[in-house]
N, C-alpha and C. Protein backbone atom coordinates (compact mmCIF):
# COMPACT_ATOMS: atom_id res chain seq x y z
N UNK A 1 156.13 164.14 171.19
CA UNK A 1 155.19 163.38 171.98
C UNK A 1 154.58 161.83 171.54
N UNK A 2 155.04 161.08 172.01
CA UNK A 2 154.93 159.97 171.48
C UNK A 2 153.46 159.31 172.63
N UNK A 3 152.20 158.74 171.93
CA UNK A 3 151.40 158.04 172.32
C UNK A 3 151.44 156.67 172.96
N UNK A 4 151.59 156.54 174.04
CA UNK A 4 151.98 154.76 174.85
C UNK A 4 150.72 154.07 175.17
N UNK A 5 150.32 153.12 174.79
CA UNK A 5 149.35 151.93 175.24
C UNK A 5 149.54 152.41 176.86
N UNK A 6 148.54 152.63 177.46
CA UNK A 6 148.44 152.32 178.65
C UNK A 6 148.72 150.77 179.78
N UNK A 7 147.28 149.95 178.82
CA UNK A 7 147.98 148.48 179.40
C UNK A 7 148.95 147.78 178.47
N UNK A 8 149.12 146.21 178.70
CA UNK A 8 149.66 145.36 177.99
C UNK A 8 148.52 144.91 177.14
N UNK A 9 148.30 144.35 175.66
CA UNK A 9 147.15 143.76 175.63
C UNK A 9 147.69 142.51 175.61
N UNK A 10 146.61 142.00 176.16
CA UNK A 10 146.66 140.03 176.43
C UNK A 10 146.94 139.06 175.17
N UNK A 11 147.21 138.34 175.39
CA UNK A 11 147.35 137.23 174.37
C UNK A 11 146.17 137.09 173.93
N UNK A 12 145.25 136.73 175.11
CA UNK A 12 143.61 136.91 173.93
C UNK A 12 143.01 137.44 173.32
N UNK A 13 143.38 138.78 173.55
CA UNK A 13 142.85 139.83 172.63
C UNK A 13 143.38 139.52 171.28
N UNK A 14 145.05 140.22 171.59
CA UNK A 14 145.80 139.73 170.40
C UNK A 14 145.38 138.54 169.69
N UNK A 15 145.57 137.14 169.96
CA UNK A 15 144.89 136.47 168.94
C UNK A 15 143.36 136.66 168.27
N UNK A 16 142.83 137.64 169.21
CA UNK A 16 141.04 137.08 168.65
C UNK A 16 141.45 138.13 167.53
N UNK A 17 142.09 139.06 167.86
CA UNK A 17 141.88 139.91 166.46
C UNK A 17 143.06 139.28 165.25
N UNK A 18 143.73 139.12 165.40
CA UNK A 18 144.35 138.14 163.99
C UNK A 18 143.22 136.64 163.84
N UNK A 19 142.87 136.63 164.34
CA UNK A 19 142.18 135.04 164.49
C UNK A 19 141.83 134.88 162.55
N UNK A 20 141.32 133.91 161.89
CA UNK A 20 140.62 134.09 160.58
C UNK A 20 139.19 133.90 160.42
N UNK A 21 138.58 134.01 161.56
CA UNK A 21 137.17 134.69 161.65
C UNK A 21 136.69 135.78 160.84
N UNK A 22 137.49 136.93 161.17
CA UNK A 22 136.91 137.84 160.48
C UNK A 22 136.95 137.89 158.80
N UNK A 23 138.33 137.00 158.40
CA UNK A 23 138.98 137.30 156.79
C UNK A 23 137.12 136.73 155.98
N UNK A 24 137.66 137.26 154.94
CA UNK A 24 136.59 136.96 153.58
C UNK A 24 136.77 135.89 152.88
N UNK A 25 136.09 134.68 152.53
CA UNK A 25 135.86 133.90 152.20
C UNK A 25 134.94 133.68 150.77
N UNK A 26 136.52 133.15 149.53
CA UNK A 26 135.73 133.20 148.29
C UNK A 26 134.12 132.94 147.72
N UNK A 27 133.83 133.07 146.92
CA UNK A 27 132.40 132.52 146.89
C UNK A 27 131.90 130.87 146.24
N UNK A 28 131.41 130.44 146.78
CA UNK A 28 131.18 128.64 146.40
C UNK A 28 130.33 128.84 145.07
N UNK A 29 131.84 128.13 144.57
CA UNK A 29 131.59 127.77 142.83
C UNK A 29 130.70 126.18 142.77
N UNK A 30 129.59 125.74 141.70
CA UNK A 30 128.95 124.86 141.59
C UNK A 30 128.90 125.26 140.42
N UNK A 31 128.94 123.58 139.75
CA UNK A 31 129.16 123.35 138.13
C UNK A 31 127.50 122.80 137.58
N UNK A 32 127.03 124.38 136.26
CA UNK A 32 125.92 123.50 135.32
C UNK A 32 125.53 122.75 135.04
N UNK A 33 124.23 122.51 135.42
CA UNK A 33 123.82 120.91 134.77
C UNK A 33 123.84 120.87 133.24
N UNK A 34 123.99 122.24 132.77
CA UNK A 34 123.52 121.83 131.45
C UNK A 34 124.88 121.76 130.42
N UNK A 35 125.95 123.16 130.90
CA UNK A 35 126.74 122.98 130.12
C UNK A 35 128.14 123.06 131.10
N UNK A 36 128.29 122.72 132.21
CA UNK A 36 129.60 122.45 133.21
C UNK A 36 130.27 123.17 133.30
N UNK A 37 130.02 124.62 133.09
CA UNK A 37 130.75 125.96 133.30
C UNK A 37 130.57 126.68 135.36
N UNK A 38 131.46 126.77 135.79
CA UNK A 38 131.01 126.82 137.17
C UNK A 38 130.61 127.93 136.95
N UNK A 39 129.88 128.37 138.48
CA UNK A 39 128.62 129.35 138.01
C UNK A 39 128.44 129.69 139.69
N UNK A 40 127.76 130.46 140.56
CA UNK A 40 127.16 130.95 141.60
C UNK A 40 126.16 129.63 141.24
N UNK A 41 125.75 129.81 142.86
CA UNK A 41 125.08 128.18 143.28
C UNK A 41 123.30 129.90 143.49
N UNK A 42 121.97 129.02 142.45
CA UNK A 42 120.56 129.74 142.79
C UNK A 42 120.86 130.62 141.68
N UNK A 43 121.74 131.13 140.47
CA UNK A 43 121.84 132.02 139.85
C UNK A 43 121.80 131.33 138.61
N UNK A 44 121.25 132.21 137.43
CA UNK A 44 121.43 132.22 135.81
C UNK A 44 122.59 131.80 135.47
N UNK A 45 123.06 130.71 134.63
CA UNK A 45 124.65 130.50 134.19
C UNK A 45 124.47 131.68 133.18
N UNK A 46 125.89 131.98 133.31
CA UNK A 46 125.98 133.39 131.98
C UNK A 46 126.99 132.48 130.90
N UNK A 47 126.70 131.49 130.52
CA UNK A 47 127.19 131.12 129.47
C UNK A 47 126.60 130.48 128.90
N UNK A 48 125.45 129.84 129.20
CA UNK A 48 124.33 129.17 128.43
C UNK A 48 122.80 129.81 129.42
N UNK A 49 122.79 130.24 129.61
CA UNK A 49 121.15 131.07 130.13
C UNK A 49 120.53 130.27 130.86
N UNK A 50 120.82 129.17 130.82
CA UNK A 50 120.24 128.21 131.85
C UNK A 50 119.56 128.40 133.20
N UNK A 51 118.90 127.76 134.35
CA UNK A 51 118.46 128.06 135.93
C UNK A 51 118.08 126.97 136.15
N UNK A 52 118.01 126.28 136.69
CA UNK A 52 117.04 124.89 137.51
C UNK A 52 116.00 123.80 136.47
N UNK A 53 116.76 123.55 134.63
CA UNK A 53 116.58 122.65 133.83
C UNK A 53 116.26 123.63 132.59
N UNK A 54 115.84 124.67 132.97
CA UNK A 54 114.94 125.84 131.90
C UNK A 54 115.27 126.84 131.45
N UNK A 55 114.98 127.22 130.31
CA UNK A 55 115.92 128.02 129.70
C UNK A 55 115.40 130.16 129.90
N UNK A 56 116.49 130.71 130.80
CA UNK A 56 115.71 132.05 131.21
C UNK A 56 115.91 133.15 129.85
N UNK A 57 117.30 132.91 129.98
CA UNK A 57 117.84 133.87 129.01
C UNK A 57 118.02 133.18 127.85
N UNK A 58 118.20 133.68 126.52
CA UNK A 58 118.06 133.32 125.45
C UNK A 58 120.13 133.39 125.19
N UNK A 59 120.55 132.85 124.34
CA UNK A 59 122.01 133.10 124.45
C UNK A 59 121.85 132.30 122.95
N UNK A 60 122.56 133.36 121.82
CA UNK A 60 123.39 132.84 120.26
C UNK A 60 124.29 132.14 120.59
N UNK A 61 124.40 130.62 120.06
CA UNK A 61 125.45 129.94 119.68
C UNK A 61 126.91 130.63 118.96
């Protein structure tokens, strides 16, 4: 026994579901002022350990 839709799905409802509104986006990356590596904004740089012009994490060269 097959289950059939009771009503036709309208084009508006179908297209709303297929729209790009709900799709996930890649995080915005910014360049570190100190070393130039890409990092997430408002986060400590993983490569040099600097945040907002100050050394937060000690990194060994």
